Amino acid sequence: MDPEDKKKLDRLLLISENNNRLLRRMRREVLWMRFFRVIYLLVIVGAIVAAYYYFSPYFGSFQNALNVLGQLKNFQLPANFTLPTLPK
């Protein structure tokens, strides 16, 4: 093997080692990004669930108020009902 080919092979080896190092680093970064994305989504879902449990008594009160309003919609006055007149 002549010295020129040896230099080319050494340079190719150096480039491929650097390339391999960069690819490993990129893969590691992608794995960490996935990990933190999962943690981020778990925090968001956990906050939503915690807020639901914290505000659930208020949701129940609100639901009861809506039910009362729904019952008032069907309320009918008796046929002989008249409004009282105001004194003059």
N, C-alpha and C. Protein backbone atom coordinates (compact mmCIF):
# COMPACT_ATOMS: atom_id res chain seq x y z
N MET A 1 0.86 -1.17 0.00
CA MET A 1 0.00 0.00 0.00
C MET A 1 0.91 1.23 0.00
N ASP A 2 0.64 2.11 -0.89
CA ASP A 2 1.50 3.30 -0.96
C ASP A 2 1.09 4.32 0.11
N PRO A 3 1.97 5.24 0.44
CA PRO A 3 1.70 6.21 1.52
C PRO A 3 0.49 7.11 1.24
N GLU A 4 0.21 7.39 -0.02
CA GLU A 4 -0.93 8.26 -0.33
C GLU A 4 -2.25 7.58 0.04
N ASP A 5 -2.35 6.28 -0.28
CA ASP A 5 -3.55 5.53 0.08
C ASP A 5 -3.68 5.40 1.60
N LYS A 6 -2.54 5.24 2.26
CA LYS A 6 -2.54 5.14 3.72
C LYS A 6 -3.09 6.43 4.34
N LYS A 7 -2.67 7.59 3.81
CA LYS A 7 -3.17 8.88 4.31
C LYS A 7 -4.67 9.00 4.09
N LYS A 8 -5.11 8.59 2.91
CA LYS A 8 -6.55 8.67 2.61
C LYS A 8 -7.35 7.77 3.55
N LEU A 9 -6.84 6.59 3.80
CA LEU A 9 -7.55 5.68 4.70
C LEU A 9 -7.57 6.21 6.13
N ASP A 10 -6.46 6.78 6.56
CA ASP A 10 -6.42 7.36 7.91
C ASP A 10 -7.40 8.53 8.02
N ARG A 11 -7.43 9.35 6.97
CA ARG A 11 -8.37 10.48 6.99
C ARG A 11 -9.81 9.98 6.98
N LEU A 12 -10.10 8.96 6.20
CA LEU A 12 -11.43 8.37 6.17
C LEU A 12 -11.81 7.79 7.52
N LEU A 13 -10.86 7.14 8.17
CA LEU A 13 -11.11 6.60 9.51
C LEU A 13 -11.41 7.71 10.50
N LEU A 14 -10.67 8.79 10.45
CA LEU A 14 -10.89 9.92 11.34
C LEU A 14 -12.26 10.55 11.10
N ILE A 15 -12.62 10.72 9.84
CA ILE A 15 -13.93 11.30 9.51
C ILE A 15 -15.05 10.39 9.98
N SER A 16 -14.93 9.10 9.75
CA SER A 16 -15.99 8.17 10.16
C SER A 16 -16.10 8.08 11.68
N GLU A 17 -14.97 8.18 12.40
CA GLU A 17 -15.04 8.19 13.87
C GLU A 17 -15.75 9.44 14.37
N ASN A 18 -15.44 10.59 13.77
CA ASN A 18 -16.13 11.82 14.15
C ASN A 18 -17.62 11.74 13.83
N ASN A 19 -17.91 11.19 12.67
CA ASN A 19 -19.30 11.02 12.27
C ASN A 19 -20.03 10.11 13.27
N ASN A 20 -19.40 9.02 13.66
CA ASN A 20 -20.00 8.10 14.61
C ASN A 20 -20.24 8.79 15.95
N ARG A 21 -19.28 9.60 16.40
CA ARG A 21 -19.42 10.33 17.65
C ARG A 21 -20.61 11.29 17.59
N LEU A 22 -20.73 12.01 16.47
CA LEU A 22 -21.84 12.94 16.30
C LEU A 22 -23.19 12.22 16.27
N LEU A 23 -23.24 11.11 15.58
CA LEU A 23 -24.49 10.36 15.50
C LEU A 23 -24.91 9.82 16.87
N ARG A 24 -23.96 9.34 17.65
CA ARG A 24 -24.27 8.88 19.00
C ARG A 24 -24.79 10.01 19.86
N ARG A 25 -24.15 11.18 19.75
CA ARG A 25 -24.60 12.34 20.52
C ARG A 25 -26.01 12.75 20.11
N MET A 26 -26.28 12.73 18.82
CA MET A 26 -27.62 13.09 18.34
C MET A 26 -28.66 12.10 18.85
N ARG A 27 -28.33 10.82 18.82
CA ARG A 27 -29.27 9.82 19.30
C ARG A 27 -29.53 10.00 20.80
N ARG A 28 -28.50 10.28 21.57
CA ARG A 28 -28.65 10.51 23.00
C ARG A 28 -29.55 11.72 23.26
N GLU A 29 -29.36 12.78 22.48
CA GLU A 29 -30.20 13.96 22.64
C GLU A 29 -31.65 13.67 22.31
N VAL A 30 -31.89 12.88 21.28
CA VAL A 30 -33.26 12.51 20.92
C VAL A 30 -33.90 11.70 22.05
N LEU A 31 -33.15 10.78 22.63
CA LEU A 31 -33.69 9.99 23.74
C LEU A 31 -34.03 10.88 24.94
N TRP A 32 -33.17 11.83 25.26
CA TRP A 32 -33.46 12.74 26.37
C TRP A 32 -34.66 13.62 26.05
N MET A 33 -34.77 14.06 24.80
CA MET A 33 -35.93 14.87 24.42
C MET A 33 -37.21 14.08 24.57
N ARG A 34 -37.22 12.83 24.19
CA ARG A 34 -38.40 11.98 24.36
C ARG A 34 -38.74 11.81 25.84
N PHE A 35 -37.73 11.57 26.63
CA PHE A 35 -37.93 11.39 28.07
C PHE A 35 -38.57 12.63 28.68
N PHE A 36 -38.01 13.80 28.37
CA PHE A 36 -38.55 15.03 28.95
C PHE A 36 -39.90 15.39 28.37
N ARG A 37 -40.19 15.00 27.14
CA ARG A 37 -41.51 15.23 26.58
C ARG A 37 -42.55 14.39 27.32
N VAL A 38 -42.21 13.16 27.64
CA VAL A 38 -43.13 12.31 28.40
C VAL A 38 -43.35 12.91 29.79
N ILE A 39 -42.28 13.36 30.44
CA ILE A 39 -42.42 13.98 31.75
C ILE A 39 -43.29 15.23 31.65
N TYR A 40 -43.08 16.03 30.62
CA TYR A 40 -43.86 17.24 30.40
C TYR A 40 -45.35 16.91 30.25
N LEU A 41 -45.67 15.90 29.45
CA LEU A 41 -47.06 15.52 29.26
C LEU A 41 -47.66 14.95 30.54
N LEU A 42 -46.88 14.20 31.30
CA LEU A 42 -47.37 13.68 32.57
C LEU A 42 -47.67 14.81 33.56
N VAL A 43 -46.84 15.83 33.56
CA VAL A 43 -47.09 16.98 34.44
C VAL A 43 -48.37 17.69 34.02
N ILE A 44 -48.58 17.86 32.74
CA ILE A 44 -49.80 18.53 32.26
C ILE A 44 -51.03 17.71 32.62
N VAL A 45 -51.00 16.42 32.36
CA VAL A 45 -52.15 15.56 32.67
C VAL A 45 -52.37 15.52 34.18
N GLY A 46 -51.28 15.45 34.95
CA GLY A 46 -51.40 15.45 36.41
C GLY A 46 -52.02 16.74 36.92
N ALA A 47 -51.64 17.87 36.33
CA ALA A 47 -52.21 19.14 36.75
C ALA A 47 -53.71 19.20 36.44
N ILE A 48 -54.10 18.67 35.29
CA ILE A 48 -55.51 18.66 34.93
C ILE A 48 -56.30 17.77 35.89
N VAL A 49 -55.78 16.60 36.19
CA VAL A 49 -56.46 15.69 37.11
C VAL A 49 -56.53 16.30 38.50
N ALA A 50 -55.46 16.91 38.95
CA ALA A 50 -55.45 17.55 40.28
C ALA A 50 -56.45 18.70 40.32
N ALA A 51 -56.52 19.48 39.26
CA ALA A 51 -57.49 20.58 39.21
C ALA A 51 -58.91 20.05 39.24
N TYR A 52 -59.16 18.95 38.54
CA TYR A 52 -60.50 18.36 38.56
C TYR A 52 -60.88 17.91 39.97
N TYR A 53 -59.98 17.22 40.65
CA TYR A 53 -60.29 16.78 42.01
C TYR A 53 -60.41 17.95 42.97
N TYR A 54 -59.64 19.00 42.75
CA TYR A 54 -59.71 20.17 43.62
C TYR A 54 -61.03 20.91 43.43
N PHE A 55 -61.46 21.06 42.16
CA PHE A 55 -62.67 21.82 41.87
C PHE A 55 -63.92 20.95 41.74
N SER A 56 -63.85 19.65 41.98
CA SER A 56 -65.01 18.79 41.81
C SER A 56 -66.19 19.17 42.71
N PRO A 57 -65.99 19.63 43.96
CA PRO A 57 -67.16 20.08 44.73
C PRO A 57 -67.87 21.25 44.06
N TYR A 58 -67.10 22.14 43.45
CA TYR A 58 -67.72 23.28 42.77
C TYR A 58 -68.46 22.83 41.52
N PHE A 59 -67.92 21.82 40.84
CA PHE A 59 -68.61 21.29 39.68
C PHE A 59 -69.95 20.69 40.08
N GLY A 60 -69.99 20.01 41.22
CA GLY A 60 -71.24 19.43 41.71
C GLY A 60 -72.26 20.52 42.01
N SER A 61 -71.84 21.59 42.67
CA SER A 61 -72.75 22.71 42.97
C SER A 61 -73.25 23.35 41.67
N PHE A 62 -72.35 23.50 40.73
CA PHE A 62 -72.73 24.09 39.45
C PHE A 62 -73.72 23.18 38.72
N GLN A 63 -73.51 21.89 38.79
CA GLN A 63 -74.42 20.95 38.14
C GLN A 63 -75.80 21.01 38.79
N ASN A 64 -75.83 21.12 40.11
CA ASN A 64 -77.12 21.24 40.80
C ASN A 64 -77.84 22.52 40.39
N ALA A 65 -77.12 23.61 40.28
CA ALA A 65 -77.72 24.87 39.85
C ALA A 65 -78.28 24.75 38.44
N LEU A 66 -77.54 24.09 37.56
CA LEU A 66 -78.05 23.89 36.19
C LEU A 66 -79.30 23.02 36.18
N ASN A 67 -79.36 22.01 37.05
CA ASN A 67 -80.55 21.16 37.13
C ASN A 67 -81.75 21.97 37.61
N VAL A 68 -81.55 22.84 38.59
CA VAL A 68 -82.64 23.68 39.08
C VAL A 68 -83.13 24.60 37.97
N LEU A 69 -82.20 25.19 37.23
CA LEU A 69 -82.60 26.05 36.10
C LEU A 69 -83.35 25.25 35.04
N GLY A 70 -82.94 24.03 34.82
CA GLY A 70 -83.64 23.18 33.86
C GLY A 70 -85.05 22.85 34.32
N GLN A 71 -85.23 22.67 35.61
CA GLN A 71 -86.57 22.41 36.14
C GLN A 71 -87.44 23.65 36.07
N LEU A 72 -86.84 24.83 36.24
CA LEU A 72 -87.61 26.07 36.13
C LEU A 72 -88.10 26.30 34.71
N LYS A 73 -87.40 25.78 33.74
CA LYS A 73 -87.81 25.94 32.35
C LYS A 73 -89.17 25.27 32.13
N ASN A 74 -89.41 24.17 32.81
CA ASN A 74 -90.66 23.42 32.64
C ASN A 74 -91.75 23.88 33.60
N PHE A 75 -91.46 24.86 34.43
CA PHE A 75 -92.44 25.33 35.41
C PHE A 75 -93.56 26.10 34.72
N GLN A 76 -94.80 25.78 35.11
CA GLN A 76 -95.95 26.47 34.55
C GLN A 76 -96.78 27.05 35.69
N LEU A 77 -97.26 28.24 35.47
CA LEU A 77 -98.11 28.89 36.47
C LEU A 77 -99.51 28.29 36.40
N PRO A 78 -100.23 28.31 37.54
CA PRO A 78 -101.62 27.83 37.50
C PRO A 78 -102.46 28.71 36.58
N ALA A 79 -103.58 28.15 36.08
CA ALA A 79 -104.42 28.85 35.11
C ALA A 79 -105.08 30.08 35.73
N ASN A 80 -105.39 30.05 37.04
CA ASN A 80 -106.08 31.17 37.67
C ASN A 80 -105.12 32.16 38.33
N PHE A 81 -103.85 32.10 38.01
CA PHE A 81 -102.85 32.99 38.63
C PHE A 81 -102.92 34.37 37.98
N THR A 82 -102.98 35.38 38.82
CA THR A 82 -102.93 36.77 38.34
C THR A 82 -101.89 37.51 39.15
N LEU A 83 -101.28 38.47 38.54
CA LEU A 83 -100.30 39.29 39.22
C LEU A 83 -101.03 40.31 40.09
N PRO A 84 -100.56 40.53 41.32
CA PRO A 84 -101.22 41.53 42.15
C PRO A 84 -100.97 42.93 41.59
N THR A 85 -101.94 43.79 41.82
CA THR A 85 -101.79 45.18 41.35
C THR A 85 -101.14 45.98 42.45
N LEU A 86 -100.36 46.96 42.04
CA LEU A 86 -99.68 47.81 43.00
C LEU A 86 -100.62 48.91 43.47
N PRO A 87 -100.55 49.24 44.77
CA PRO A 87 -101.40 50.34 45.24
C PRO A 87 -100.94 51.69 44.67
N LYS A 88 -101.90 52.57 44.51
CA LYS A 88 -101.59 53.89 43.95
C LYS A 88 -101.38 54.90 45.02
